[in-house]
Each structure stands twice: as structure tokens, then as C-alpha cells.
Amino acid sequence: MAVEQIRFQPPEARLADLRERLARTRFAEDFANDDWSYGVNGAYLRELVSYWRDGYDWDAQLSAINGFRHFQTEIDDVPIHFIREPGRGPKPMPIILSHGWP
């Protein structure tokens, strides 16, 4: 099993697609929902979508993410991307955090 060190970089086309989809968001009317009684408040949701579309600093986040060492391998024909960060202190304990499968 070969393990290769990589740099995490999502394709720019994916980020452009995300920005376009956020720009095309169709918001439902928000009647009498200032107190969130009926779900997410429309004004808040509009503000959040605007932030993700225009305010989120992808470059800063990618720089922080790439402060870790990223690796890629394949197990049973499934590509696996992982970060290996050695523990610190006198008795570091190994931990695996997974977002789910695959």
C-alpha cells in the first residue's frame, strides 16, 4: 500500500460552482418568524448565505488546513485522504477522527 504526501487543494471549479449556487439561492417567504418558531429565520439565513458567498476567506482556511501534513492512499480500491499529526507531551494517545464512510 503506497502512501503519498499531498497538499489539500479543492479544484477552483468546485469553489466557483458553490459561489454560483449560493448566488442562485431561492429563499422562501418568512412570515412572522422573528423568534424562529417555524425554523431558520429568513433574515439570518440570507445573512449566512451572503457570508458564505462573499465573505468567507477560503484562502485563509486552506492555508490553515495545509498547516497539517496530508496524505493519500488507497484501501480496497477506495481513495483515502488523511492527516497524520504526531501527538505531543509525555504520553500522547493516538486518535482517529473520521467524517464517515466512505
N, C-alpha and C. Protein backbone atom coordinates (compact mmCIF):
# COMPACT_ATOMS: atom_id res chain seq x y z
N MET A 1 0.85 -1.16 0.00
CA MET A 1 0.00 0.00 0.00
C MET A 1 0.91 1.24 0.00
N ALA A 2 0.80 2.06 -1.04
CA ALA A 2 1.60 3.27 -1.16
C ALA A 2 0.88 4.43 -0.46
N VAL A 3 1.64 5.21 0.28
CA VAL A 3 1.12 6.41 0.94
C VAL A 3 1.90 7.59 0.38
N GLU A 4 1.17 8.59 -0.07
CA GLU A 4 1.79 9.74 -0.72
C GLU A 4 1.39 11.01 0.03
N GLN A 5 2.37 11.88 0.32
CA GLN A 5 2.05 13.15 0.96
C GLN A 5 1.49 14.09 -0.10
N ILE A 6 0.41 14.78 0.24
CA ILE A 6 -0.24 15.68 -0.70
C ILE A 6 -0.49 17.04 -0.05
N ARG A 7 -0.87 18.00 -0.85
CA ARG A 7 -1.33 19.30 -0.37
C ARG A 7 -2.81 19.37 -0.71
N PHE A 8 -3.63 19.71 0.26
CA PHE A 8 -5.06 19.78 0.02
C PHE A 8 -5.39 21.04 -0.78
N GLN A 9 -6.05 20.86 -1.90
CA GLN A 9 -6.44 21.99 -2.74
C GLN A 9 -7.69 21.59 -3.53
N PRO A 10 -8.86 22.07 -3.09
CA PRO A 10 -10.06 21.74 -3.86
C PRO A 10 -9.98 22.40 -5.23
N PRO A 11 -10.50 21.77 -6.25
CA PRO A 11 -10.48 22.38 -7.57
C PRO A 11 -11.23 23.73 -7.57
N GLU A 12 -10.66 24.74 -8.18
CA GLU A 12 -11.29 26.06 -8.24
C GLU A 12 -12.68 25.97 -8.84
N ALA A 13 -12.88 25.04 -9.78
CA ALA A 13 -14.21 24.90 -10.39
C ALA A 13 -15.27 24.54 -9.34
N ARG A 14 -14.90 23.77 -8.32
CA ARG A 14 -15.86 23.42 -7.26
C ARG A 14 -16.23 24.65 -6.44
N LEU A 15 -15.22 25.47 -6.12
CA LEU A 15 -15.50 26.68 -5.35
C LEU A 15 -16.33 27.65 -6.17
N ALA A 16 -16.04 27.77 -7.46
CA ALA A 16 -16.82 28.65 -8.34
C ALA A 16 -18.26 28.15 -8.42
N ASP A 17 -18.44 26.82 -8.53
CA ASP A 17 -19.78 26.25 -8.57
C ASP A 17 -20.54 26.53 -7.29
N LEU A 18 -19.87 26.42 -6.15
CA LEU A 18 -20.51 26.71 -4.87
C LEU A 18 -20.96 28.17 -4.81
N ARG A 19 -20.09 29.09 -5.22
CA ARG A 19 -20.45 30.51 -5.21
C ARG A 19 -21.65 30.76 -6.13
N GLU A 20 -21.67 30.13 -7.28
CA GLU A 20 -22.79 30.30 -8.22
C GLU A 20 -24.09 29.76 -7.63
N ARG A 21 -24.03 28.58 -7.01
CA ARG A 21 -25.23 28.01 -6.42
C ARG A 21 -25.74 28.87 -5.27
N LEU A 22 -24.82 29.41 -4.46
CA LEU A 22 -25.23 30.30 -3.37
C LEU A 22 -25.88 31.56 -3.93
N ALA A 23 -25.34 32.08 -5.03
CA ALA A 23 -25.91 33.29 -5.64
C ALA A 23 -27.31 33.03 -6.19
N ARG A 24 -27.59 31.78 -6.57
CA ARG A 24 -28.90 31.43 -7.13
C ARG A 24 -29.90 30.95 -6.07
N THR A 25 -29.54 31.04 -4.81
CA THR A 25 -30.43 30.56 -3.75
C THR A 25 -31.78 31.27 -3.83
N ARG A 26 -32.83 30.47 -3.77
CA ARG A 26 -34.19 31.00 -3.74
C ARG A 26 -34.70 30.86 -2.31
N PHE A 27 -34.97 31.99 -1.69
CA PHE A 27 -35.40 31.99 -0.30
C PHE A 27 -36.93 31.99 -0.23
N ALA A 28 -37.47 31.21 0.68
CA ALA A 28 -38.92 31.20 0.92
C ALA A 28 -39.31 32.46 1.69
N GLU A 29 -40.57 32.84 1.54
CA GLU A 29 -41.07 33.96 2.34
C GLU A 29 -41.00 33.58 3.81
N ASP A 30 -40.73 34.53 4.65
CA ASP A 30 -40.54 34.28 6.08
C ASP A 30 -41.58 35.07 6.86
N PHE A 31 -42.75 34.50 7.08
CA PHE A 31 -43.84 35.19 7.76
C PHE A 31 -43.79 34.98 9.26
N ALA A 32 -43.74 36.05 10.00
CA ALA A 32 -43.85 36.01 11.47
C ALA A 32 -42.90 34.99 12.08
N ASN A 33 -41.65 35.03 11.68
CA ASN A 33 -40.69 34.05 12.19
C ASN A 33 -39.49 34.73 12.85
N ASP A 34 -39.70 35.90 13.41
CA ASP A 34 -38.60 36.59 14.08
C ASP A 34 -38.05 35.79 15.26
N ASP A 35 -38.90 34.98 15.87
CA ASP A 35 -38.46 34.21 17.05
C ASP A 35 -38.07 32.77 16.69
N TRP A 36 -37.93 32.45 15.40
CA TRP A 36 -37.50 31.14 14.91
C TRP A 36 -38.52 30.04 15.23
N SER A 37 -39.76 30.38 15.46
CA SER A 37 -40.78 29.38 15.79
C SER A 37 -41.01 28.39 14.67
N TYR A 38 -40.78 28.81 13.44
CA TYR A 38 -41.08 27.96 12.29
C TYR A 38 -39.82 27.48 11.57
N GLY A 39 -38.70 27.47 12.27
CA GLY A 39 -37.44 27.05 11.64
C GLY A 39 -36.48 28.22 11.55
N VAL A 40 -35.54 28.09 10.63
CA VAL A 40 -34.49 29.11 10.49
C VAL A 40 -35.10 30.44 10.09
N ASN A 41 -34.71 31.47 10.78
CA ASN A 41 -35.16 32.83 10.48
C ASN A 41 -34.61 33.26 9.12
N GLY A 42 -35.48 33.78 8.27
CA GLY A 42 -35.09 34.14 6.90
C GLY A 42 -34.00 35.19 6.82
N ALA A 43 -34.05 36.20 7.66
CA ALA A 43 -33.02 37.25 7.64
C ALA A 43 -31.66 36.66 8.00
N TYR A 44 -31.66 35.80 9.01
CA TYR A 44 -30.41 35.15 9.40
C TYR A 44 -29.87 34.28 8.27
N LEU A 45 -30.76 33.52 7.63
CA LEU A 45 -30.33 32.64 6.55
C LEU A 45 -29.76 33.44 5.38
N ARG A 46 -30.39 34.55 5.03
CA ARG A 46 -29.87 35.40 3.95
C ARG A 46 -28.47 35.93 4.30
N GLU A 47 -28.31 36.34 5.55
CA GLU A 47 -27.00 36.84 6.01
C GLU A 47 -25.94 35.73 5.95
N LEU A 48 -26.32 34.54 6.35
CA LEU A 48 -25.38 33.41 6.34
C LEU A 48 -24.97 33.05 4.91
N VAL A 49 -25.94 32.98 4.01
CA VAL A 49 -25.63 32.66 2.61
C VAL A 49 -24.74 33.75 2.01
N SER A 50 -25.02 35.01 2.32
CA SER A 50 -24.20 36.11 1.82
C SER A 50 -22.76 35.98 2.32
N TYR A 51 -22.61 35.62 3.59
CA TYR A 51 -21.26 35.43 4.15
C TYR A 51 -20.52 34.32 3.41
N TRP A 52 -21.17 33.16 3.22
CA TRP A 52 -20.51 32.04 2.54
C TRP A 52 -20.17 32.40 1.10
N ARG A 53 -21.02 33.21 0.46
CA ARG A 53 -20.79 33.57 -0.93
C ARG A 53 -19.71 34.63 -1.06
N ASP A 54 -19.73 35.68 -0.21
CA ASP A 54 -18.88 36.84 -0.41
C ASP A 54 -17.86 37.12 0.68
N GLY A 55 -18.06 36.56 1.87
CA GLY A 55 -17.20 36.95 2.98
C GLY A 55 -16.24 35.90 3.48
N TYR A 56 -16.53 34.62 3.23
CA TYR A 56 -15.69 33.55 3.75
C TYR A 56 -14.33 33.56 3.07
N ASP A 57 -13.28 33.51 3.85
CA ASP A 57 -11.92 33.59 3.32
C ASP A 57 -11.37 32.18 3.08
N TRP A 58 -11.65 31.67 1.88
CA TRP A 58 -11.21 30.32 1.52
C TRP A 58 -9.70 30.19 1.59
N ASP A 59 -8.97 31.20 1.12
CA ASP A 59 -7.50 31.12 1.11
C ASP A 59 -6.94 30.98 2.52
N ALA A 60 -7.49 31.74 3.47
CA ALA A 60 -7.01 31.65 4.85
C ALA A 60 -7.30 30.27 5.43
N GLN A 61 -8.47 29.73 5.14
CA GLN A 61 -8.82 28.41 5.67
C GLN A 61 -7.97 27.32 5.04
N LEU A 62 -7.73 27.42 3.73
CA LEU A 62 -6.87 26.42 3.07
C LEU A 62 -5.46 26.49 3.62
N SER A 63 -4.98 27.68 3.91
CA SER A 63 -3.65 27.83 4.49
C SER A 63 -3.59 27.15 5.86
N ALA A 64 -4.62 27.36 6.67
CA ALA A 64 -4.66 26.72 8.00
C ALA A 64 -4.74 25.20 7.88
N ILE A 65 -5.60 24.72 6.97
CA ILE A 65 -5.74 23.27 6.77
C ILE A 65 -4.42 22.67 6.30
N ASN A 66 -3.74 23.38 5.42
CA ASN A 66 -2.47 22.87 4.89
C ASN A 66 -1.30 23.05 5.85
N GLY A 67 -1.59 23.58 7.04
CA GLY A 67 -0.58 23.60 8.10
C GLY A 67 -0.34 22.20 8.66
N PHE A 68 -1.24 21.28 8.34
CA PHE A 68 -1.11 19.88 8.73
C PHE A 68 -0.56 19.09 7.56
N ARG A 69 0.02 17.93 7.85
CA ARG A 69 0.56 17.07 6.80
C ARG A 69 -0.55 16.14 6.31
N HIS A 70 -0.88 16.26 5.04
CA HIS A 70 -1.93 15.46 4.41
C HIS A 70 -1.31 14.30 3.63
N PHE A 71 -2.01 13.19 3.65
CA PHE A 71 -1.56 12.01 2.93
C PHE A 71 -2.73 11.39 2.19
N GLN A 72 -2.40 10.59 1.20
CA GLN A 72 -3.43 9.88 0.45
C GLN A 72 -2.94 8.47 0.19
N THR A 73 -3.87 7.53 0.29
CA THR A 73 -3.59 6.14 -0.03
C THR A 73 -4.86 5.52 -0.60
N GLU A 74 -4.80 4.26 -0.90
CA GLU A 74 -5.97 3.56 -1.40
C GLU A 74 -6.10 2.25 -0.64
N ILE A 75 -7.30 1.98 -0.15
CA ILE A 75 -7.57 0.73 0.56
C ILE A 75 -8.78 0.09 -0.11
N ASP A 76 -8.63 -1.12 -0.59
CA ASP A 76 -9.72 -1.83 -1.28
C ASP A 76 -10.32 -0.97 -2.39
N ASP A 77 -9.46 -0.36 -3.17
CA ASP A 77 -9.86 0.48 -4.31
C ASP A 77 -10.61 1.75 -3.91
N VAL A 78 -10.55 2.13 -2.65
CA VAL A 78 -11.19 3.37 -2.18
C VAL A 78 -10.09 4.36 -1.82
N PRO A 79 -10.08 5.55 -2.45
CA PRO A 79 -9.06 6.54 -2.10
C PRO A 79 -9.33 7.10 -0.69
N ILE A 80 -8.29 7.16 0.11
CA ILE A 80 -8.39 7.64 1.49
C ILE A 80 -7.46 8.84 1.65
N HIS A 81 -8.01 9.95 2.11
CA HIS A 81 -7.24 11.17 2.39
C HIS A 81 -7.21 11.32 3.90
N PHE A 82 -6.02 11.50 4.48
CA PHE A 82 -5.94 11.61 5.92
C PHE A 82 -4.83 12.57 6.32
N ILE A 83 -4.92 13.02 7.57
CA ILE A 83 -3.90 13.87 8.17
C ILE A 83 -3.25 13.05 9.27
N ARG A 84 -1.92 13.09 9.31
CA ARG A 84 -1.21 12.42 10.40
C ARG A 84 -0.46 13.50 11.16
N GLU A 85 -0.85 13.68 12.40
CA GLU A 85 -0.22 14.68 13.25
C GLU A 85 0.26 13.97 14.51
N PRO A 86 1.58 13.87 14.69
CA PRO A 86 2.10 13.17 15.88
C PRO A 86 1.62 13.84 17.17
N GLY A 87 1.36 13.00 18.19
CA GLY A 87 0.93 13.53 19.47
C GLY A 87 2.04 14.31 20.16
N ARG A 88 1.64 15.12 21.11
CA ARG A 88 2.60 15.93 21.87
C ARG A 88 2.50 15.58 23.34
N GLY A 89 3.52 15.90 24.08
CA GLY A 89 3.50 15.65 25.51
C GLY A 89 4.18 14.33 25.85
N PRO A 90 4.26 14.01 27.14
CA PRO A 90 4.99 12.83 27.57
C PRO A 90 4.32 11.50 27.22
N LYS A 91 3.01 11.46 27.13
CA LYS A 91 2.31 10.21 26.83
C LYS A 91 1.19 10.47 25.82
N PRO A 92 1.55 10.80 24.58
CA PRO A 92 0.49 11.09 23.60
C PRO A 92 -0.35 9.85 23.30
N MET A 93 -1.64 10.06 23.11
CA MET A 93 -2.55 8.97 22.82
C MET A 93 -3.01 9.07 21.36
N PRO A 94 -2.95 7.98 20.62
CA PRO A 94 -3.42 8.02 19.24
C PRO A 94 -4.94 8.22 19.19
N ILE A 95 -5.39 8.94 18.17
CA ILE A 95 -6.82 9.15 17.98
C ILE A 95 -7.10 9.20 16.49
N ILE A 96 -8.21 8.63 16.08
CA ILE A 96 -8.65 8.68 14.69
C ILE A 96 -9.99 9.38 14.67
N LEU A 97 -10.09 10.45 13.90
CA LEU A 97 -11.35 11.16 13.71
C LEU A 97 -11.79 10.92 12.27
N SER A 98 -13.01 10.51 12.09
CA SER A 98 -13.49 10.19 10.76
C SER A 98 -14.83 10.88 10.53
N HIS A 99 -15.04 11.37 9.33
CA HIS A 99 -16.30 12.04 9.00
C HIS A 99 -17.37 11.04 8.59
N GLY A 100 -17.02 9.83 8.40
CA GLY A 100 -17.99 8.83 7.98
C GLY A 100 -17.39 7.96 6.89
N TRP A 101 -18.20 7.16 6.29
CA TRP A 101 -17.68 6.23 5.29
C TRP A 101 -18.56 6.28 4.06
N PRO A 102 -17.99 6.26 2.87
CA PRO A 102 -16.54 6.33 2.59
C PRO A 102 -16.04 7.75 2.66
